Each structure stands twice: as structure tokens, then as C-alpha cells.
Amino acid sequence: MTNAVLLTLIGLVLGLVGSGVLAYSLNAALDALALSTDAHDIALQGIVDPAPGARIYRFTGTDVHVERGIKRGRQLTRLGFGLLVVSFGLQAAAVLISVA
């Protein structure tokens, strides 16, 4: 196996892993935001259109949950983006090796 083929294969694997990490990090941040939005919606429904004798729910801690999700997502985004940059570099090097 030549060096160019080996670099291409490693670059492809790193690109696949980097894309997966980016997708997971985006999902973590969006899940945190969706939970916060749902809690806010439920609280507003109880205030705006309360059923007779219904309780008004108050959710706390959603801001902390969102901050944790975004922080974790930010760290994973950096990792995923770094893997994609390394993948691009390896594949560009493979092209240069094969042309030379």
C-alpha cells in the first residue's frame, strides 16, 4: 500500500469520525434548548389558559441545563472541527504525494 493511499484512508476515517462528533455535539446543544423551550411552553400554557382547579407548573434549572449542553457541545465541536481539518490536510498531502 502506497503512502498516498494510506494517507487517504486515514483522512477518510478521521473525516467520518469528525462528522459524527460534530453531529453529536449539535444534537447535545439542541436537546438542551428543546427541553428549555418545552418547559417554558408548558408553564405559559398553564398561565394563559388554565383549566379549572389546575396547577401552574414552574420549572427551574433549565438555564443550567442549557448552559451545560452548550458547553459540552462547544468542546465537542472543537474536537470534530479539528478532526475534519486534519482529515483535509491528510487528503491534500495524499494528492500532493501522488502528483509528485
PDB file of N, CA and C in Angstrom:
ATOM      1  N   MET A   1       0.851  -1.181   0.000  1.00  0.00           N
ATOM      2  CA  MET A   1       0.000   0.000   0.000  1.00  0.00           C
ATOM      3  C   MET A   1       0.891   1.237   0.000  1.00  0.00           C
ATOM      4  N   THR A   2       0.637   2.134  -0.907  1.00  0.00           N
ATOM      5  CA  THR A   2       1.472   3.326  -1.008  1.00  0.00           C
ATOM      6  C   THR A   2       1.114   4.340   0.070  1.00  0.00           C
ATOM      7  N   ASN A   3       2.030   5.285   0.245  1.00  0.00           N
ATOM      8  CA  ASN A   3       1.803   6.313   1.263  1.00  0.00           C
ATOM      9  C   ASN A   3       0.576   7.163   0.948  1.00  0.00           C
ATOM     10  N   ALA A   4       0.350   7.455  -0.316  1.00  0.00           N
ATOM     11  CA  ALA A   4      -0.794   8.291  -0.699  1.00  0.00           C
ATOM     12  C   ALA A   4      -2.114   7.601  -0.365  1.00  0.00           C
ATOM     13  N   VAL A   5      -2.177   6.307  -0.641  1.00  0.00           N
ATOM     14  CA  VAL A   5      -3.409   5.561  -0.342  1.00  0.00           C
ATOM     15  C   VAL A   5      -3.621   5.490   1.166  1.00  0.00           C
ATOM     16  N   LEU A   6      -2.544   5.260   1.905  1.00  0.00           N
ATOM     17  CA  LEU A   6      -2.648   5.183   3.362  1.00  0.00           C
ATOM     18  C   LEU A   6      -3.110   6.520   3.947  1.00  0.00           C
ATOM     19  N   LEU A   7      -2.531   7.619   3.466  1.00  0.00           N
ATOM     20  CA  LEU A   7      -2.959   8.942   3.944  1.00  0.00           C
ATOM     21  C   LEU A   7      -4.426   9.211   3.592  1.00  0.00           C
ATOM     22  N   THR A   8      -4.840   8.797   2.419  1.00  0.00           N
ATOM     23  CA  THR A   8      -6.234   8.995   2.009  1.00  0.00           C
ATOM     24  C   THR A   8      -7.178   8.214   2.913  1.00  0.00           C
ATOM     25  N   LEU A   9      -6.843   6.980   3.200  1.00  0.00           N
ATOM     26  CA  LEU A   9      -7.706   6.162   4.060  1.00  0.00           C
ATOM     27  C   LEU A   9      -7.784   6.721   5.482  1.00  0.00           C
ATOM     28  N   ILE A  10      -6.653   7.110   6.024  1.00  0.00           N
ATOM     29  CA  ILE A  10      -6.664   7.703   7.374  1.00  0.00           C
ATOM     30  C   ILE A  10      -7.466   8.997   7.363  1.00  0.00           C
ATOM     31  N   GLY A  11      -7.296   9.808   6.321  1.00  0.00           N
ATOM     32  CA  GLY A  11      -8.059  11.047   6.206  1.00  0.00           C
ATOM     33  C   GLY A  11      -9.549  10.805   6.115  1.00  0.00           C
ATOM     34  N   LEU A  12      -9.939   9.781   5.365  1.00  0.00           N
ATOM     35  CA  LEU A  12     -11.367   9.460   5.253  1.00  0.00           C
ATOM     36  C   LEU A  12     -11.954   9.015   6.591  1.00  0.00           C
ATOM     37  N   VAL A  13     -11.209   8.199   7.329  1.00  0.00           N
ATOM     38  CA  VAL A  13     -11.697   7.735   8.630  1.00  0.00           C
ATOM     39  C   VAL A  13     -11.817   8.909   9.601  1.00  0.00           C
ATOM     40  N   LEU A  14     -10.791   9.771   9.623  1.00  0.00           N
ATOM     41  CA  LEU A  14     -10.856  10.937  10.507  1.00  0.00           C
ATOM     42  C   LEU A  14     -11.998  11.877  10.113  1.00  0.00           C
ATOM     43  N   GLY A  15     -12.257  12.005   8.823  1.00  0.00           N
ATOM     44  CA  GLY A  15     -13.377  12.830   8.373  1.00  0.00           C
ATOM     45  C   GLY A  15     -14.708  12.261   8.816  1.00  0.00           C
ATOM     46  N   LEU A  16     -14.834  10.949   8.746  1.00  0.00           N
ATOM     47  CA  LEU A  16     -16.067  10.303   9.188  1.00  0.00           C
ATOM     48  C   LEU A  16     -16.269  10.482  10.690  1.00  0.00           C
ATOM     49  N   VAL A  17     -15.214  10.265  11.452  1.00  0.00           N
ATOM     50  CA  VAL A  17     -15.305  10.432  12.913  1.00  0.00           C
ATOM     51  C   VAL A  17     -15.587  11.891  13.265  1.00  0.00           C
ATOM     52  N   GLY A  18     -14.908  12.821  12.601  1.00  0.00           N
ATOM     53  CA  GLY A  18     -15.133  14.247  12.862  1.00  0.00           C
ATOM     54  C   GLY A  18     -16.559  14.669  12.555  1.00  0.00           C
ATOM     55  N   SER A  19     -17.117  14.158  11.471  1.00  0.00           N
ATOM     56  CA  SER A  19     -18.509  14.480  11.134  1.00  0.00           C
ATOM     57  C   SER A  19     -19.470  13.920  12.178  1.00  0.00           C
ATOM     58  N   GLY A  20     -19.197  12.721  12.648  1.00  0.00           N
ATOM     59  CA  GLY A  20     -20.035  12.127  13.696  1.00  0.00           C
ATOM     60  C   GLY A  20     -19.975  12.910  14.993  1.00  0.00           C
ATOM     61  N   VAL A  21     -18.782  13.367  15.361  1.00  0.00           N
ATOM     62  CA  VAL A  21     -18.629  14.164  16.581  1.00  0.00           C
ATOM     63  C   VAL A  21     -19.363  15.491  16.445  1.00  0.00           C
ATOM     64  N   LEU A  22     -19.271  16.114  15.276  1.00  0.00           N
ATOM     65  CA  LEU A  22     -19.994  17.369  15.060  1.00  0.00           C
ATOM     66  C   LEU A  22     -21.509  17.179  15.142  1.00  0.00           C
ATOM     67  N   ALA A  23     -22.001  16.094  14.564  1.00  0.00           N
ATOM     68  CA  ALA A  23     -23.440  15.813  14.626  1.00  0.00           C
ATOM     69  C   ALA A  23     -23.879  15.569  16.064  1.00  0.00           C
ATOM     70  N   TYR A  24     -23.080  14.839  16.824  1.00  0.00           N
ATOM     71  CA  TYR A  24     -23.422  14.564  18.223  1.00  0.00           C
ATOM     72  C   TYR A  24     -23.409  15.852  19.051  1.00  0.00           C
ATOM     73  N   SER A  25     -22.425  16.725  18.805  1.00  0.00           N
ATOM     74  CA  SER A  25     -22.352  17.966  19.578  1.00  0.00           C
ATOM     75  C   SER A  25     -23.528  18.878  19.271  1.00  0.00           C
ATOM     76  N   LEU A  26     -23.934  18.934  18.019  1.00  0.00           N
ATOM     77  CA  LEU A  26     -25.101  19.737  17.657  1.00  0.00           C
ATOM     78  C   LEU A  26     -26.356  19.167  18.313  1.00  0.00           C
ATOM     79  N   ASN A  27     -26.464  17.851  18.333  1.00  0.00           N
ATOM     80  CA  ASN A  27     -27.617  17.206  18.959  1.00  0.00           C
ATOM     81  C   ASN A  27     -27.668  17.500  20.450  1.00  0.00           C
ATOM     82  N   ALA A  28     -26.525  17.516  21.133  1.00  0.00           N
ATOM     83  CA  ALA A  28     -26.496  17.803  22.576  1.00  0.00           C
ATOM     84  C   ALA A  28     -26.996  19.210  22.862  1.00  0.00           C
ATOM     85  N   ALA A  29     -26.549  20.181  22.076  1.00  0.00           N
ATOM     86  CA  ALA A  29     -26.984  21.561  22.295  1.00  0.00           C
ATOM     87  C   ALA A  29     -28.462  21.727  21.966  1.00  0.00           C
ATOM     88  N   LEU A  30     -28.924  21.113  20.884  1.00  0.00           N
ATOM     89  CA  LEU A  30     -30.331  21.253  20.501  1.00  0.00           C
ATOM     90  C   LEU A  30     -31.267  20.551  21.478  1.00  0.00           C
ATOM     91  N   ASP A  31     -30.842  19.424  22.026  1.00  0.00           N
ATOM     92  CA  ASP A  31     -31.664  18.750  23.037  1.00  0.00           C
ATOM     93  C   ASP A  31     -31.839  19.618  24.274  1.00  0.00           C
ATOM     94  N   ALA A  32     -30.772  20.268  24.702  1.00  0.00           N
ATOM     95  CA  ALA A  32     -30.861  21.145  25.871  1.00  0.00           C
ATOM     96  C   ALA A  32     -31.793  22.318  25.598  1.00  0.00           C
ATOM     97  N   LEU A  33     -31.690  22.898  24.422  1.00  0.00           N
ATOM     98  CA  LEU A  33     -32.570  24.022  24.081  1.00  0.00           C
ATOM     99  C   LEU A  33     -34.025  23.571  23.930  1.00  0.00           C
ATOM    100  N   ALA A  34     -34.237  22.380  23.382  1.00  0.00           N
ATOM    101  CA  ALA A  34     -35.601  21.868  23.226  1.00  0.00           C
ATOM    102  C   ALA A  34     -36.250  21.626  24.582  1.00  0.00           C
ATOM    103  N   LEU A  35     -35.496  21.100  25.537  1.00  0.00           N
ATOM    104  CA  LEU A  35     -36.043  20.879  26.876  1.00  0.00           C
ATOM    105  C   LEU A  35     -36.449  22.198  27.521  1.00  0.00           C
ATOM    106  N   SER A  36     -35.600  23.198  27.393  1.00  0.00           N
ATOM    107  CA  SER A  36     -35.905  24.505  27.969  1.00  0.00           C
ATOM    108  C   SER A  36     -37.135  25.128  27.315  1.00  0.00           C
ATOM    109  N   THR A  37     -37.234  25.001  26.008  1.00  0.00           N
ATOM    110  CA  THR A  37     -38.379  25.553  25.284  1.00  0.00           C
ATOM    111  C   THR A  37     -39.674  24.840  25.660  1.00  0.00           C
ATOM    112  N   ASP A  38     -39.612  23.522  25.785  1.00  0.00           N
ATOM    113  CA  ASP A  38     -40.807  22.768  26.183  1.00  0.00           C
ATOM    114  C   ASP A  38     -41.268  23.146  27.589  1.00  0.00           C
ATOM    115  N   ALA A  39     -40.323  23.303  28.515  1.00  0.00           N
ATOM    116  CA  ALA A  39     -40.684  23.694  29.880  1.00  0.00           C
ATOM    117  C   ALA A  39     -41.316  25.079  29.889  1.00  0.00           C
ATOM    118  N   HIS A  40     -40.779  25.991  29.113  1.00  0.00           N
ATOM    119  CA  HIS A  40     -41.337  27.342  29.036  1.00  0.00           C
ATOM    120  C   HIS A  40     -42.741  27.312  28.439  1.00  0.00           C
ATOM    121  N   ASP A  41     -42.934  26.493  27.410  1.00  0.00           N
ATOM    122  CA  ASP A  41     -44.244  26.378  26.769  1.00  0.00           C
ATOM    123  C   ASP A  41     -45.285  25.820  27.731  1.00  0.00           C
ATOM    124  N   ILE A  42     -44.916  24.803  28.486  1.00  0.00           N
ATOM    125  CA  ILE A  42     -45.855  24.208  29.455  1.00  0.00           C
ATOM    126  C   ILE A  42     -46.219  25.228  30.529  1.00  0.00           C
ATOM    127  N   ALA A  43     -45.238  25.982  30.999  1.00  0.00           N
ATOM    128  CA  ALA A  43     -45.524  26.987  32.027  1.00  0.00           C
ATOM    129  C   ALA A  43     -46.447  28.075  31.486  1.00  0.00           C
ATOM    130  N   LEU A  44     -46.216  28.510  30.253  1.00  0.00           N
ATOM    131  CA  LEU A  44     -47.074  29.547  29.668  1.00  0.00           C
ATOM    132  C   LEU A  44     -48.493  29.039  29.428  1.00  0.00           C
ATOM    133  N   GLN A  45     -48.646  27.793  29.016  1.00  0.00           N
ATOM    134  CA  GLN A  45     -49.987  27.242  28.805  1.00  0.00           C
ATOM    135  C   GLN A  45     -50.776  27.216  30.106  1.00  0.00           C
ATOM    136  N   GLY A  46     -50.098  26.921  31.196  1.00  0.00           N
ATOM    137  CA  GLY A  46     -50.777  26.900  32.486  1.00  0.00           C
ATOM    138  C   GLY A  46     -51.204  28.274  32.947  1.00  0.00           C
ATOM    139  N   ILE A  47     -50.470  29.283  32.549  1.00  0.00           N
ATOM    140  CA  ILE A  47     -50.803  30.655  32.958  1.00  0.00           C
ATOM    141  C   ILE A  47     -51.863  31.265  32.042  1.00  0.00           C
ATOM    142  N   VAL A  48     -51.714  31.096  30.748  1.00  0.00           N
ATOM    143  CA  VAL A  48     -52.603  31.740  29.779  1.00  0.00           C
ATOM    144  C   VAL A  48     -53.979  31.093  29.754  1.00  0.00           C
ATOM    145  N   ASP A  49     -54.041  29.779  29.715  1.00  0.00           N
ATOM    146  CA  ASP A  49     -55.313  29.078  29.598  1.00  0.00           C
ATOM    147  C   ASP A  49     -55.418  27.977  30.667  1.00  0.00           C
ATOM    148  N   PRO A  50     -55.560  28.393  31.928  1.00  0.00           N
ATOM    149  CA  PRO A  50     -55.601  27.370  32.978  1.00  0.00           C
ATOM    150  C   PRO A  50     -56.955  26.665  33.017  1.00  0.00           C
ATOM    151  N   ALA A  51     -56.894  25.371  33.233  1.00  0.00           N
ATOM    152  CA  ALA A  51     -58.125  24.612  33.444  1.00  0.00           C
ATOM    153  C   ALA A  51     -58.607  24.886  34.867  1.00  0.00           C
ATOM    154  N   PRO A  52     -59.906  24.754  35.109  1.00  0.00           N
ATOM    155  CA  PRO A  52     -60.405  24.992  36.464  1.00  0.00           C
ATOM    156  C   PRO A  52     -59.745  24.042  37.469  1.00  0.00           C
ATOM    157  N   GLY A  53     -59.151  24.599  38.495  1.00  0.00           N
ATOM    158  CA  GLY A  53     -58.515  23.791  39.532  1.00  0.00           C
ATOM    159  C   GLY A  53     -57.160  23.227  39.134  1.00  0.00           C
ATOM    160  N   ALA A  54     -56.654  23.642  37.989  1.00  0.00           N
ATOM    161  CA  ALA A  54     -55.366  23.113  37.528  1.00  0.00           C
ATOM    162  C   ALA A  54     -54.216  23.809  38.244  1.00  0.00           C
ATOM    163  N   ARG A  55     -53.108  23.094  38.342  1.00  0.00           N
ATOM    164  CA  ARG A  55     -51.915  23.669  38.961  1.00  0.00           C
ATOM    165  C   ARG A  55     -51.105  24.417  37.905  1.00  0.00           C
ATOM    166  N   ILE A  56     -50.381  25.402  38.361  1.00  0.00           N
ATOM    167  CA  ILE A  56     -49.451  26.113  37.490  1.00  0.00           C
ATOM    168  C   ILE A  56     -48.065  25.574  37.791  1.00  0.00           C
ATOM    169  N   TYR A  57     -47.458  25.037  36.775  1.00  0.00           N
ATOM    170  CA  TYR A  57     -46.145  24.423  36.950  1.00  0.00           C
ATOM    171  C   TYR A  57     -45.053  25.457  36.751  1.00  0.00           C
ATOM    172  N   ARG A  58     -44.026  25.338  37.571  1.00  0.00           N
ATOM    173  CA  ARG A  58     -42.872  26.231  37.482  1.00  0.00           C
ATOM    174  C   ARG A  58     -41.621  25.365  37.379  1.00  0.00           C
ATOM    175  N   PHE A  59     -40.898  25.536  36.309  1.00  0.00           N
ATOM    176  CA  PHE A  59     -39.680  24.762  36.076  1.00  0.00           C
ATOM    177  C   PHE A  59     -38.470  25.634  36.413  1.00  0.00           C
ATOM    178  N   THR A  60     -37.552  25.059  37.161  1.00  0.00           N
ATOM    179  CA  THR A  60     -36.326  25.778  37.480  1.00  0.00           C
ATOM    180  C   THR A  60     -35.134  24.946  37.031  1.00  0.00           C
ATOM    181  N   GLY A  61     -34.040  25.597  36.813  1.00  0.00           N
ATOM    182  CA  GLY A  61     -32.815  24.901  36.441  1.00  0.00           C
ATOM    183  C   GLY A  61     -32.639  24.654  34.962  1.00  0.00           C
ATOM    184  N   THR A  62     -33.573  25.131  34.149  1.00  0.00           N
ATOM    185  CA  THR A  62     -33.415  24.893  32.713  1.00  0.00           C
ATOM    186  C   THR A  62     -32.246  25.699  32.149  1.00  0.00           C
ATOM    187  N   ASP A  63     -31.959  26.855  32.739  1.00  0.00           N
ATOM    188  CA  ASP A  63     -30.818  27.640  32.267  1.00  0.00           C
ATOM    189  C   ASP A  63     -29.503  26.909  32.496  1.00  0.00           C
ATOM    190  N   VAL A  64     -29.394  26.212  33.631  1.00  0.00           N
ATOM    191  CA  VAL A  64     -28.193  25.431  33.920  1.00  0.00           C
ATOM    192  C   VAL A  64     -28.070  24.277  32.930  1.00  0.00           C
ATOM    193  N   HIS A  65     -29.188  23.644  32.637  1.00  0.00           N
ATOM    194  CA  HIS A  65     -29.183  22.530  31.689  1.00  0.00           C
ATOM    195  C   HIS A  65     -28.752  23.000  30.299  1.00  0.00           C
ATOM    196  N   VAL A  66     -29.256  24.137  29.885  1.00  0.00           N
ATOM    197  CA  VAL A  66     -28.894  24.680  28.572  1.00  0.00           C
ATOM    198  C   VAL A  66     -27.415  25.045  28.539  1.00  0.00           C
ATOM    199  N   GLU A  67     -26.920  25.678  29.613  1.00  0.00           N
ATOM    200  CA  GLU A  67     -25.502  26.054  29.659  1.00  0.00           C
ATOM    201  C   GLU A  67     -24.600  24.832  29.585  1.00  0.00           C
ATOM    202  N   ARG A  68     -24.962  23.760  30.297  1.00  0.00           N
ATOM    203  CA  ARG A  68     -24.165  22.527  30.247  1.00  0.00           C
ATOM    204  C   ARG A  68     -24.185  21.917  28.853  1.00  0.00           C
ATOM    205  N   GLY A  69     -25.349  21.879  28.234  1.00  0.00           N
ATOM    206  CA  GLY A  69     -25.454  21.319  26.890  1.00  0.00           C
ATOM    207  C   GLY A  69     -24.644  22.096  25.870  1.00  0.00           C
ATOM    208  N   ILE A  70     -24.695  23.420  25.975  1.00  0.00           N
ATOM    209  CA  ILE A  70     -23.939  24.252  25.037  1.00  0.00           C
ATOM    210  C   ILE A  70     -22.438  24.135  25.302  1.00  0.00           C
ATOM    211  N   LYS A  71     -22.040  24.079  26.577  1.00  0.00           N
ATOM    212  CA  LYS A  71     -20.620  23.935  26.901  1.00  0.00           C
ATOM    213  C   LYS A  71     -20.080  22.607  26.386  1.00  0.00           C
ATOM    214  N   ARG A  72     -20.817  21.533  26.616  1.00  0.00           N
ATOM    215  CA  ARG A  72     -20.389  20.221  26.124  1.00  0.00           C
ATOM    216  C   ARG A  72     -20.377  20.212  24.593  1.00  0.00           C
ATOM    217  N   GLY A  73     -21.377  20.828  23.998  1.00  0.00           N
ATOM    218  CA  GLY A  73     -21.427  20.910  22.542  1.00  0.00           C
ATOM    219  C   GLY A  73     -20.272  21.710  21.972  1.00  0.00           C
ATOM    220  N   ARG A  74     -19.876  22.773  22.665  1.00  0.00           N
ATOM    221  CA  ARG A  74     -18.768  23.612  22.194  1.00  0.00           C
ATOM    222  C   ARG A  74     -17.458  22.823  22.203  1.00  0.00           C
ATOM    223  N   GLN A  75     -17.223  22.053  23.262  1.00  0.00           N
ATOM    224  CA  GLN A  75     -15.999  21.256  23.345  1.00  0.00           C
ATOM    225  C   GLN A  75     -15.967  20.198  22.244  1.00  0.00           C
ATOM    226  N   LEU A  76     -17.084  19.539  22.035  1.00  0.00           N
ATOM    227  CA  LEU A  76     -17.134  18.508  21.000  1.00  0.00           C
ATOM    228  C   LEU A  76     -17.052  19.105  19.602  1.00  0.00           C
ATOM    229  N   THR A  77     -17.570  20.314  19.429  1.00  0.00           N
ATOM    230  CA  THR A  77     -17.482  20.972  18.132  1.00  0.00           C
ATOM    231  C   THR A  77     -16.028  21.265  17.782  1.00  0.00           C
ATOM    232  N   ARG A  78     -15.266  21.719  18.768  1.00  0.00           N
ATOM    233  CA  ARG A  78     -13.843  21.962  18.520  1.00  0.00           C
ATOM    234  C   ARG A  78     -13.120  20.681  18.132  1.00  0.00           C
ATOM    235  N   LEU A  79     -13.429  19.592  18.835  1.00  0.00           N
ATOM    236  CA  LEU A  79     -12.808  18.306  18.517  1.00  0.00           C
ATOM    237  C   LEU A  79     -13.187  17.853  17.107  1.00  0.00           C
ATOM    238  N   GLY A  80     -14.467  17.908  16.782  1.00  0.00           N
ATOM    239  CA  GLY A  80     -14.931  17.480  15.469  1.00  0.00           C
ATOM    240  C   GLY A  80     -14.353  18.327  14.349  1.00  0.00           C
ATOM    241  N   PHE A  81     -14.302  19.643  14.564  1.00  0.00           N
ATOM    242  CA  PHE A  81     -13.745  20.525  13.543  1.00  0.00           C
ATOM    243  C   PHE A  81     -12.248  20.258  13.366  1.00  0.00           C
ATOM    244  N   GLY A  82     -11.550  20.013  14.465  1.00  0.00           N
ATOM    245  CA  GLY A  82     -10.127  19.677  14.382  1.00  0.00           C
ATOM    246  C   GLY A  82      -9.889  18.393  13.597  1.00  0.00           C
ATOM    247  N   LEU A  83     -10.724  17.393  13.840  1.00  0.00           N
ATOM    248  CA  LEU A  83     -10.597  16.144  13.093  1.00  0.00           C
ATOM    249  C   LEU A  83     -10.846  16.356  11.601  1.00  0.00           C
ATOM    250  N   LEU A  84     -11.796  17.197  11.263  1.00  0.00           N
ATOM    251  CA  LEU A  84     -12.056  17.483   9.845  1.00  0.00           C
ATOM    252  C   LEU A  84     -10.896  18.233   9.195  1.00  0.00           C
ATOM    253  N   VAL A  85     -10.274  19.140   9.931  1.00  0.00           N
ATOM    254  CA  VAL A  85      -9.130  19.875   9.390  1.00  0.00           C
ATOM    255  C   VAL A  85      -7.959  18.924   9.159  1.00  0.00           C
ATOM    256  N   VAL A  86      -7.691  18.026  10.118  1.00  0.00           N
ATOM    257  CA  VAL A  86      -6.618  17.048   9.955  1.00  0.00           C
ATOM    258  C   VAL A  86      -6.938  16.120   8.782  1.00  0.00           C
ATOM    259  N   SER A  87      -8.199  15.727   8.658  1.00  0.00           N
ATOM    260  CA  SER A  87      -8.613  14.879   7.544  1.00  0.00           C
ATOM    261  C   SER A  87      -8.339  15.563   6.211  1.00  0.00           C
ATOM    262  N   PHE A  88      -8.700  16.831   6.117  1.00  0.00           N
ATOM    263  CA  PHE A  88      -8.443  17.583   4.884  1.00  0.00           C
ATOM    264  C   PHE A  88      -6.950  17.663   4.598  1.00  0.00           C
ATOM    265  N   GLY A  89      -6.158  17.928   5.636  1.00  0.00           N
ATOM    266  CA  GLY A  89      -4.713  18.020   5.455  1.00  0.00           C
ATOM    267  C   GLY A  89      -4.104  16.715   4.971  1.00  0.00           C
ATOM    268  N   LEU A  90      -4.548  15.604   5.541  1.00  0.00           N
ATOM    269  CA  LEU A  90      -4.026  14.304   5.119  1.00  0.00           C
ATOM    270  C   LEU A  90      -4.401  13.995   3.672  1.00  0.00           C
ATOM    271  N   GLN A  91      -5.614  14.307   3.302  1.00  0.00           N
ATOM    272  CA  GLN A  91      -6.036  14.027   1.929  1.00  0.00           C
ATOM    273  C   GLN A  91      -5.342  14.965   0.935  1.00  0.00           C
ATOM    274  N   ALA A  92      -5.104  16.206   1.339  1.00  0.00           N
ATOM    275  CA  ALA A  92      -4.357  17.123   0.473  1.00  0.00           C
ATOM    276  C   ALA A  92      -2.913  16.644   0.317  1.00  0.00           C
ATOM    277  N   ALA A  93      -2.317  16.159   1.400  1.00  0.00           N
ATOM    278  CA  ALA A  93      -0.957  15.616   1.327  1.00  0.00           C
ATOM    279  C   ALA A  93      -0.919  14.384   0.410  1.00  0.00           C
ATOM    280  N   ALA A  94      -1.954  13.560   0.491  1.00  0.00           N
ATOM    281  CA  ALA A  94      -2.004  12.377  -0.373  1.00  0.00           C
ATOM    282  C   ALA A  94      -2.062  12.768  -1.842  1.00  0.00           C
ATOM    283  N   VAL A  95      -2.808  13.822  -2.148  1.00  0.00           N
ATOM    284  CA  VAL A  95      -2.870  14.302  -3.535  1.00  0.00           C
ATOM    285  C   VAL A  95      -1.500  14.814  -3.980  1.00  0.00           C
ATOM    286  N   LEU A  96      -0.846  15.578  -3.114  1.00  0.00           N
ATOM    287  CA  LEU A  96       0.468  16.109  -3.470  1.00  0.00           C
ATOM    288  C   LEU A  96       1.498  14.994  -3.638  1.00  0.00           C
ATOM    289  N   ILE A  97       1.408  13.957  -2.811  1.00  0.00           N
ATOM    290  CA  ILE A  97       2.339  12.830  -2.943  1.00  0.00           C
ATOM    291  C   ILE A  97       2.085  12.082  -4.247  1.00  0.00           C
ATOM    292  N   SER A  98       0.836  11.891  -4.596  1.00  0.00           N
ATOM    293  CA  SER A  98       0.535  11.135  -5.793  1.00  0.00           C
ATOM    294  C   SER A  98       0.874  11.896  -7.072  1.00  0.00           C
ATOM    295  N   VAL A  99       0.832  13.241  -7.025  1.00  0.00           N
ATOM    296  CA  VAL A  99       1.157  14.053  -8.201  1.00  0.00           C
ATOM    297  C   VAL A  99       2.674  14.131  -8.388  1.00  0.00           C
ATOM    298  N   ALA A 100       3.395  14.180  -7.277  1.00  0.00           N
ATOM    299  CA  ALA A 100       4.862  14.344  -7.351  1.00  0.00           C
ATOM    300  C   ALA A 100       5.563  13.108  -7.834  1.00  0.00           C
TER     301      ALA A 100
END
